[in-house]
PDB file of N, CA and C in Angstrom:
ATOM      1  N   PRO A   1      -7.731  22.864  -8.104  1.00  0.00           N
ATOM      2  CA  PRO A   1      -7.729  22.353  -6.992  1.00  0.00           C
ATOM      3  C   PRO A   1      -9.154  21.725  -6.933  1.00  0.00           C
ATOM      4  N   ALA A   2     -10.063  22.317  -7.465  1.00  0.00           N
ATOM      5  CA  ALA A   2     -11.384  21.790  -7.325  1.00  0.00           C
ATOM      6  C   ALA A   2     -11.685  20.398  -8.177  1.00  0.00           C
ATOM      7  N   LEU A   3     -10.954  20.243  -9.216  1.00  0.00           N
ATOM      8  CA  LEU A   3     -10.857  19.145 -10.289  1.00  0.00           C
ATOM      9  C   LEU A   3     -10.250  18.059  -9.665  1.00  0.00           C
ATOM     10  N   ALA A   4      -9.398  18.343  -8.670  1.00  0.00           N
ATOM     11  CA  ALA A   4      -8.418  16.935  -8.045  1.00  0.00           C
ATOM     12  C   ALA A   4      -8.895  16.450  -6.923  1.00  0.00           C
ATOM     13  N   ARG A   5     -10.346  16.957  -6.463  1.00  0.00           N
ATOM     14  CA  ARG A   5     -10.685  16.089  -5.377  1.00  0.00           C
ATOM     15  C   ARG A   5     -10.984  14.703  -5.576  1.00  0.00           C
ATOM     16  N   ALA A   6     -10.561  13.832  -4.293  1.00  0.00           N
ATOM     17  CA  ALA A   6     -10.977  12.356  -4.510  1.00  0.00           C
ATOM     18  C   ALA A   6     -12.190  12.257  -4.642  1.00  0.00           C
ATOM     19  N   GLN A   7     -12.641  11.272  -5.269  1.00  0.00           N
ATOM     20  CA  GLN A   7     -14.117  10.864  -5.705  1.00  0.00           C
ATOM     21  C   GLN A   7     -14.490   9.919  -4.374  1.00  0.00           C
ATOM     22  N   GLY A   8     -13.840   9.650  -3.606  1.00  0.00           N
ATOM     23  CA  GLY A   8     -14.287   8.548  -2.436  1.00  0.00           C
ATOM     24  C   GLY A   8     -13.755   7.125  -2.453  1.00  0.00           C
ATOM     25  N   PHE A   9     -13.900   6.462  -1.632  1.00  0.00           N
ATOM     26  CA  PHE A   9     -13.571   5.088  -1.836  1.00  0.00           C
ATOM     27  C   PHE A   9     -14.671   4.073  -1.694  1.00  0.00           C
ATOM     28  N   THR A  10     -14.670   3.023  -2.602  1.00  0.00           N
ATOM     29  CA  THR A  10     -15.773   2.307  -2.667  1.00  0.00           C
ATOM     30  C   THR A  10     -15.771   0.997  -2.049  1.00  0.00           C
ATOM     31  N   ARG A  11     -14.543   0.536  -1.578  1.00  0.00           N
ATOM     32  CA  ARG A  11     -14.009  -0.619  -1.244  1.00  0.00           C
ATOM     33  C   ARG A  11     -13.047  -0.672  -0.275  1.00  0.00           C
ATOM     34  N   PRO A  12     -12.378  -1.781   0.183  1.00  0.00           N
ATOM     35  CA  PRO A  12     -11.429  -1.770   1.316  1.00  0.00           C
ATOM     36  C   PRO A  12     -10.206  -1.216   0.419  1.00  0.00           C
ATOM     37  N   ILE A  13      -9.136  -0.557   1.229  1.00  0.00           N
ATOM     38  CA  ILE A  13      -8.062  -0.292   0.881  1.00  0.00           C
ATOM     39  C   ILE A  13      -6.818  -1.075   1.011  1.00  0.00           C
ATOM     40  N   ARG A  14      -6.106  -1.441   0.206  1.00  0.00           N
ATOM     41  CA  ARG A  14      -5.022  -2.410   0.115  1.00  0.00           C
ATOM     42  C   ARG A  14      -3.835  -1.861   0.375  1.00  0.00           C
ATOM     43  N   VAL A  15      -2.979  -2.006   1.406  1.00  0.00           N
ATOM     44  CA  VAL A  15      -1.407  -1.597   1.448  1.00  0.00           C
ATOM     45  C   VAL A  15      -0.744  -2.661   1.474  1.00  0.00           C
ATOM     46  N   VAL A  16      -0.102  -2.979   0.215  1.00  0.00           N
ATOM     47  CA  VAL A  16       1.083  -3.962   0.089  1.00  0.00           C
ATOM     48  C   VAL A  16       2.335  -3.474   0.618  1.00  0.00           C
ATOM     49  N   VAL A  17       2.927  -4.506   1.494  1.00  0.00           N
ATOM     50  CA  VAL A  17       4.181  -4.504   1.866  1.00  0.00           C
ATOM     51  C   VAL A  17       4.846  -5.522   1.394  1.00  0.00           C
ATOM     52  N   PRO A  18       5.887  -5.103   0.527  1.00  0.00           N
ATOM     53  CA  PRO A  18       6.746  -6.154  -0.408  1.00  0.00           C
ATOM     54  C   PRO A  18       7.952  -6.778   0.572  1.00  0.00           C
ATOM     55  N   PHE A  19       7.786  -6.902   1.882  1.00  0.00           N
ATOM     56  CA  PHE A  19       8.640  -7.750   2.761  1.00  0.00           C
ATOM     57  C   PHE A  19       7.875  -8.637   3.596  1.00  0.00           C
ATOM     58  N   ALA A  20       8.512  -9.335   4.326  1.00  0.00           N
ATOM     59  CA  ALA A  20       7.867 -10.319   5.417  1.00  0.00           C
ATOM     60  C   ALA A  20       7.250  -9.609   6.299  1.00  0.00           C
ATOM     61  N   ALA A  21       6.261 -10.493   6.743  1.00  0.00           N
ATOM     62  CA  ALA A  21       5.516 -10.133   8.103  1.00  0.00           C
ATOM     63  C   ALA A  21       6.627 -10.107   9.055  1.00  0.00           C
ATOM     64  N   GLY A  22       6.172  -9.019  10.151  1.00  0.00           N
ATOM     65  CA  GLY A  22       7.095  -8.851  11.201  1.00  0.00           C
ATOM     66  C   GLY A  22       8.361  -8.089  11.192  1.00  0.00           C
ATOM     67  N   GLY A  23       8.950  -7.809   9.785  1.00  0.00           N
ATOM     68  CA  GLY A  23       9.900  -6.769   9.585  1.00  0.00           C
ATOM     69  C   GLY A  23       9.472  -5.271   9.758  1.00  0.00           C
ATOM     70  N   ALA A  24      10.492  -4.405   9.616  1.00  0.00           N
ATOM     71  CA  ALA A  24      10.293  -2.954  10.065  1.00  0.00           C
ATOM     72  C   ALA A  24       9.176  -2.345   8.952  1.00  0.00           C
ATOM     73  N   ALA A  25       9.380  -2.539   7.677  1.00  0.00           N
ATOM     74  CA  ALA A  25       8.159  -2.082   6.901  1.00  0.00           C
ATOM     75  C   ALA A  25       6.878  -2.681   7.602  1.00  0.00           C
ATOM     76  N   ASP A  26       6.772  -3.786   7.647  1.00  0.00           N
ATOM     77  CA  ASP A  26       5.506  -4.476   8.013  1.00  0.00           C
ATOM     78  C   ASP A  26       5.059  -3.783   9.437  1.00  0.00           C
ATOM     79  N   SER A  27       5.733  -3.748  10.295  1.00  0.00           N
ATOM     80  CA  SER A  27       5.494  -3.077  11.832  1.00  0.00           C
ATOM     81  C   SER A  27       5.078  -1.733  11.602  1.00  0.00           C
ATOM     82  N   ALA A  28       5.794  -0.933  10.895  1.00  0.00           N
ATOM     83  CA  ALA A  28       5.514   0.432  10.756  1.00  0.00           C
ATOM     84  C   ALA A  28       3.951   0.644   9.844  1.00  0.00           C
ATOM     85  N   THR A  29       3.781  -0.269   8.886  1.00  0.00           N
ATOM     86  CA  THR A  29       2.615  -0.146   8.044  1.00  0.00           C
ATOM     87  C   THR A  29       1.622  -0.451   8.943  1.00  0.00           C
ATOM     88  N   ARG A  30       1.500  -1.543   9.932  1.00  0.00           N
ATOM     89  CA  ARG A  30       0.258  -2.011  10.854  1.00  0.00           C
ATOM     90  C   ARG A  30       0.268  -0.844  11.885  1.00  0.00           C
ATOM     91  N   ALA A  31       1.363  -0.133  12.263  1.00  0.00           N
ATOM     92  CA  ALA A  31       1.093   0.762  13.029  1.00  0.00           C
ATOM     93  C   ALA A  31       0.046   2.092  12.410  1.00  0.00           C
ATOM     94  N   LEU A  32       0.467   2.262  11.287  1.00  0.00           N
ATOM     95  CA  LEU A  32      -0.052   3.517  10.769  1.00  0.00           C
ATOM     96  C   LEU A  32      -1.489   3.438  10.226  1.00  0.00           C
ATOM     97  N   THR A  33      -1.902   2.062   9.862  1.00  0.00           N
ATOM     98  CA  THR A  33      -3.129   1.691   9.179  1.00  0.00           C
ATOM     99  C   THR A  33      -4.212   2.122   9.872  1.00  0.00           C
ATOM    100  N   PRO A  34      -4.475   1.691  11.424  1.00  0.00           N
ATOM    101  CA  PRO A  34      -5.477   2.221  11.901  1.00  0.00           C
ATOM    102  C   PRO A  34      -5.941   3.813  12.108  1.00  0.00           C
ATOM    103  N   GLY A  35      -5.149   4.507  11.927  1.00  0.00           N
ATOM    104  CA  GLY A  35      -5.386   6.175  11.989  1.00  0.00           C
ATOM    105  C   GLY A  35      -5.761   6.200  10.591  1.00  0.00           C
ATOM    106  N   LEU A  36      -5.092   5.474   9.685  1.00  0.00           N
ATOM    107  CA  LEU A  36      -5.533   5.872   8.254  1.00  0.00           C
ATOM    108  C   LEU A  36      -7.102   5.358   7.917  1.00  0.00           C
ATOM    109  N   ALA A  37      -7.542   4.104   8.441  1.00  0.00           N
ATOM    110  CA  ALA A  37      -8.793   3.791   8.224  1.00  0.00           C
ATOM    111  C   ALA A  37      -9.885   4.702   9.205  1.00  0.00           C
ATOM    112  N   GLN A  38      -9.410   5.120  10.131  1.00  0.00           N
ATOM    113  CA  GLN A  38     -10.271   5.977  10.735  1.00  0.00           C
ATOM    114  C   GLN A  38     -10.592   7.312   9.852  1.00  0.00           C
ATOM    115  N   ARG A  39      -9.379   7.832   9.205  1.00  0.00           N
ATOM    116  CA  ARG A  39      -9.322   9.211   8.658  1.00  0.00           C
ATOM    117  C   ARG A  39     -10.297   8.998   7.268  1.00  0.00           C
ATOM    118  N   LEU A  40      -9.888   8.165   6.528  1.00  0.00           N
ATOM    119  CA  LEU A  40     -10.777   7.554   5.396  1.00  0.00           C
ATOM    120  C   LEU A  40     -11.997   7.038   5.549  1.00  0.00           C
ATOM    121  N   GLY A  41     -12.544   6.577   6.624  1.00  0.00           N
ATOM    122  CA  GLY A  41     -13.729   5.862   6.987  1.00  0.00           C
ATOM    123  C   GLY A  41     -13.851   4.612   6.153  1.00  0.00           C
ATOM    124  N   GLN A  42     -12.729   4.042   5.729  1.00  0.00           N
ATOM    125  CA  GLN A  42     -12.734   2.679   4.991  1.00  0.00           C
ATOM    126  C   GLN A  42     -11.803   1.918   5.633  1.00  0.00           C
ATOM    127  N   PRO A  43     -12.136   0.425   5.591  1.00  0.00           N
ATOM    128  CA  PRO A  43     -11.089  -0.442   6.127  1.00  0.00           C
ATOM    129  C   PRO A  43      -9.959  -0.437   5.252  1.00  0.00           C
ATOM    130  N   VAL A  44      -8.749  -0.584   6.007  1.00  0.00           N
ATOM    131  CA  VAL A  44      -7.437  -0.803   5.514  1.00  0.00           C
ATOM    132  C   VAL A  44      -7.011  -2.065   5.689  1.00  0.00           C
ATOM    133  N   VAL A  45      -6.481  -2.791   4.592  1.00  0.00           N
ATOM    134  CA  VAL A  45      -5.937  -4.292   4.711  1.00  0.00           C
ATOM    135  C   VAL A  45      -4.455  -4.399   4.366  1.00  0.00           C
ATOM    136  N   VAL A  46      -3.576  -4.816   5.280  1.00  0.00           N
ATOM    137  CA  VAL A  46      -2.187  -4.968   4.886  1.00  0.00           C
ATOM    138  C   VAL A  46      -1.847  -6.356   4.478  1.00  0.00           C
ATOM    139  N   GLU A  47      -1.243  -6.192   3.115  1.00  0.00           N
ATOM    140  CA  GLU A  47      -0.808  -7.693   2.428  1.00  0.00           C
ATOM    141  C   GLU A  47       0.799  -7.605   2.354  1.00  0.00           C
ATOM    142  N   ASN A  48       1.152  -8.689   2.584  1.00  0.00           N
ATOM    143  CA  ASN A  48       2.791  -8.960   2.464  1.00  0.00           C
ATOM    144  C   ASN A  48       3.006  -9.676   1.403  1.00  0.00           C
ATOM    145  N   ARG A  49       3.650  -9.020   0.342  1.00  0.00           N
ATOM    146  CA  ARG A  49       3.741  -9.749  -1.001  1.00  0.00           C
ATOM    147  C   ARG A  49       5.567  -9.768  -1.184  1.00  0.00           C
ATOM    148  N   THR A  50       6.050 -10.889  -0.516  1.00  0.00           N
ATOM    149  CA  THR A  50       7.466 -10.936  -0.471  1.00  0.00           C
ATOM    150  C   THR A  50       8.137 -11.599  -1.976  1.00  0.00           C
ATOM    151  N   GLY A  51       9.323 -11.269  -1.875  1.00  0.00           N
ATOM    152  CA  GLY A  51      10.037 -11.645  -3.087  1.00  0.00           C
ATOM    153  C   GLY A  51      10.783 -10.682  -3.907  1.00  0.00           C
ATOM    154  N   ALA A  52      12.129 -11.053  -4.443  1.00  0.00           N
ATOM    155  CA  ALA A  52      12.818 -10.380  -5.561  1.00  0.00           C
ATOM    156  C   ALA A  52      13.291  -8.796  -4.996  1.00  0.00           C
ATOM    157  N   GLY A  53      13.479  -8.778  -3.551  1.00  0.00           N
ATOM    158  CA  GLY A  53      13.766  -7.439  -3.148  1.00  0.00           C
ATOM    159  C   GLY A  53      12.764  -6.572  -2.885  1.00  0.00           C
ATOM    160  N   GLY A  54      11.505  -6.919  -3.156  1.00  0.00           N
ATOM    161  CA  GLY A  54      10.502  -5.704  -3.046  1.00  0.00           C
ATOM    162  C   GLY A  54       9.711  -5.557  -4.368  1.00  0.00           C
ATOM    163  N   SER A  55      10.484  -6.077  -5.498  1.00  0.00           N
ATOM    164  CA  SER A  55      10.032  -6.211  -6.948  1.00  0.00           C
ATOM    165  C   SER A  55       8.817  -6.609  -7.254  1.00  0.00           C
ATOM    166  N   LEU A  56       8.331  -7.917  -6.347  1.00  0.00           N
ATOM    167  CA  LEU A  56       7.199  -8.496  -6.623  1.00  0.00           C
ATOM    168  C   LEU A  56       6.057  -7.832  -6.321  1.00  0.00           C
ATOM    169  N   GLY A  57       5.947  -7.236  -4.729  1.00  0.00           N
ATOM    170  CA  GLY A  57       5.084  -6.445  -4.376  1.00  0.00           C
ATOM    171  C   GLY A  57       4.831  -4.937  -5.015  1.00  0.00           C
ATOM    172  N   GLY A  58       5.831  -4.454  -5.291  1.00  0.00           N
ATOM    173  CA  GLY A  58       5.930  -3.143  -6.179  1.00  0.00           C
ATOM    174  C   GLY A  58       5.426  -3.443  -7.544  1.00  0.00           C
ATOM    175  N   GLY A  59       5.646  -4.398  -8.337  1.00  0.00           N
ATOM    176  CA  GLY A  59       5.176  -4.595  -9.434  1.00  0.00           C
ATOM    177  C   GLY A  59       3.672  -4.865  -9.362  1.00  0.00           C
ATOM    178  N   GLU A  60       3.194  -5.764  -8.418  1.00  0.00           N
ATOM    179  CA  GLU A  60       1.753  -5.935  -8.342  1.00  0.00           C
ATOM    180  C   GLU A  60       1.005  -4.490  -8.069  1.00  0.00           C
ATOM    181  N   VAL A  61       1.645  -3.753  -7.246  1.00  0.00           N
ATOM    182  CA  VAL A  61       0.845  -2.378  -7.051  1.00  0.00           C
ATOM    183  C   VAL A  61       0.897  -1.530  -8.613  1.00  0.00           C
ATOM    184  N   ALA A  62       1.881  -1.610  -9.168  1.00  0.00           N
ATOM    185  CA  ALA A  62       2.123  -0.973  -9.983  1.00  0.00           C
ATOM    186  C   ALA A  62       1.102  -1.187 -11.255  1.00  0.00           C
ATOM    187  N   ARG A  63       0.549  -2.576 -11.282  1.00  0.00           N
ATOM    188  CA  ARG A  63      -0.402  -3.287 -12.031  1.00  0.00           C
ATOM    189  C   ARG A  63      -1.598  -3.154 -11.714  1.00  0.00           C
ATOM    190  N   ALA A  64      -1.894  -2.558 -10.396  1.00  0.00           N
ATOM    191  CA  ALA A  64      -3.078  -2.292  -9.883  1.00  0.00           C
ATOM    192  C   ALA A  64      -3.950  -1.060 -10.680  1.00  0.00           C
ATOM    193  N   ALA A  65      -5.342  -1.202 -10.387  1.00  0.00           N
ATOM    194  CA  ALA A  65      -5.985  -0.274 -11.210  1.00  0.00           C
ATOM    195  C   ALA A  65      -5.657   1.016 -10.329  1.00  0.00           C
ATOM    196  N   PRO A  66      -5.649   2.203 -11.169  1.00  0.00           N
ATOM    197  CA  PRO A  66      -5.303   3.446 -10.534  1.00  0.00           C
ATOM    198  C   PRO A  66      -6.355   4.152 -10.062  1.00  0.00           C
ATOM    199  N   ASP A  67      -6.993   3.742  -9.015  1.00  0.00           N
ATOM    200  CA  ASP A  67      -8.196   4.330  -8.459  1.00  0.00           C
ATOM    201  C   ASP A  67      -7.855   4.618  -7.046  1.00  0.00           C
ATOM    202  N   GLY A  68      -6.601   4.329  -6.557  1.00  0.00           N
ATOM    203  CA  GLY A  68      -6.250   4.791  -5.022  1.00  0.00           C
ATOM    204  C   GLY A  68      -6.532   3.902  -4.034  1.00  0.00           C
ATOM    205  N   HIS A  69      -6.999   2.689  -4.417  1.00  0.00           N
ATOM    206  CA  HIS A  69      -7.257   1.750  -3.364  1.00  0.00           C
ATOM    207  C   HIS A  69      -6.220   0.700  -3.133  1.00  0.00           C
ATOM    208  N   THR A  70      -5.117   0.960  -3.979  1.00  0.00           N
ATOM    209  CA  THR A  70      -4.051  -0.070  -3.672  1.00  0.00           C
ATOM    210  C   THR A  70      -2.619   0.729  -3.442  1.00  0.00           C
ATOM    211  N   LEU A  71      -2.278   0.812  -2.079  1.00  0.00           N
ATOM    212  CA  LEU A  71      -0.991   1.485  -1.942  1.00  0.00           C
ATOM    213  C   LEU A  71       0.248   0.307  -1.728  1.00  0.00           C
ATOM    214  N   LEU A  72       1.313   1.259  -1.868  1.00  0.00           N
ATOM    215  CA  LEU A  72       2.499   0.330  -1.742  1.00  0.00           C
ATOM    216  C   LEU A  72       3.439   1.065  -0.456  1.00  0.00           C
ATOM    217  N   MET A  73       3.756   0.213   0.514  1.00  0.00           N
ATOM    218  CA  MET A  73       4.467   0.656   1.825  1.00  0.00           C
ATOM    219  C   MET A  73       5.834  -0.032   1.551  1.00  0.00           C
ATOM    220  N   ASP A  74       6.756   0.929   1.089  1.00  0.00           N
ATOM    221  CA  ASP A  74       8.089   0.269   0.692  1.00  0.00           C
ATOM    222  C   ASP A  74       9.059   1.003   1.669  1.00  0.00           C
ATOM    223  N   ALA A  75      10.192   0.263   2.075  1.00  0.00           N
ATOM    224  CA  ALA A  75      11.326   0.801   2.629  1.00  0.00           C
ATOM    225  C   ALA A  75      12.663   0.647   2.209  1.00  0.00           C
ATOM    226  N   SER A  76      12.658   0.435   0.770  1.00  0.00           N
ATOM    227  CA  SER A  76      13.975   0.391  -0.040  1.00  0.00           C
ATOM    228  C   SER A  76      14.015   1.228  -0.962  1.00  0.00           C
ATOM    229  N   SER A  77      15.241   1.534  -1.273  1.00  0.00           N
ATOM    230  CA  SER A  77      15.566   2.444  -2.723  1.00  0.00           C
ATOM    231  C   SER A  77      15.336   1.574  -4.009  1.00  0.00           C
ATOM    232  N   PRO A  78      15.658   0.626  -3.899  1.00  0.00           N
ATOM    233  CA  PRO A  78      15.450   0.013  -5.679  1.00  0.00           C
ATOM    234  C   PRO A  78      14.333  -0.243  -6.296  1.00  0.00           C
ATOM    235  N   LEU A  79      13.220   0.731  -6.224  1.00  0.00           N
ATOM    236  CA  LEU A  79      12.314   0.316  -7.094  1.00  0.00           C
ATOM    237  C   LEU A  79      12.289   0.902  -8.425  1.00  0.00           C
ATOM    238  N   VAL A  80      13.619   0.968  -9.128  1.00  0.00           N
ATOM    239  CA  VAL A  80      13.484   1.153 -10.242  1.00  0.00           C
ATOM    240  C   VAL A  80      13.825  -0.128 -11.094  1.00  0.00           C
ATOM    241  N   THR A  81      13.680  -1.161 -10.376  1.00  0.00           N
ATOM    242  CA  THR A  81      13.875  -2.654 -11.065  1.00  0.00           C
ATOM    243  C   THR A  81      12.715  -2.706 -11.866  1.00  0.00           C
ATOM    244  N   PRO A  82      12.928  -3.542 -12.955  1.00  0.00           N
ATOM    245  CA  PRO A  82      11.629  -3.753 -13.849  1.00  0.00           C
ATOM    246  C   PRO A  82      10.391  -4.442 -13.121  1.00  0.00           C
TER     247      PRO A  82
END
């Protein structure tokens, strides 16, 4: 467990919502991010990346650097698409 400690955040955290602004996933994300920002001591930015049933936003997060600064908030099950 000691080796798995987080190294800390060095820039704002991105939460990608792969659906349109104003929808259920977007609203839930925007309700949760102020608490997340407070707990982590880092700004949290919500970005909507719509298209292809969530695949575009999911793909963007999959290609992001694996440093914990990019998260995906998805409310659908077909995340197995290429």
